[in-house]
Amino acid sequence: MDATDFPNDLVQTQADWDTTYNALVAPRPGDTTALRRRLLLLSGRLWWHPYWKTVASVPAARCELRQQVRDRGVARTA
């Protein structure tokens, strides 16, 4: 699966999710309530993204998306 197979908004949402998660698990995180709410919002966007209706193996594609985002370092600050 190529990196170009994933829509840009899906890649960015995964990157935002990673960034938010990392901020939440950091020592002495800031506003944990806001971070948890953001994580839930992003999780819903990732789970229900229309792209998943177009792939044959959704679990494998989700794993590939997470791996590509981590490898590319797309995450930005929360």
Foldseek 3Di string as FASTA:
>chain_A
DDPVLDDPVLLQLLLQLVQLVVLLPDPPHDPNVVSVVSNVVSVVCNVPPPSLVVDDDNVVVVVVSNVVSVVVVVHDHD
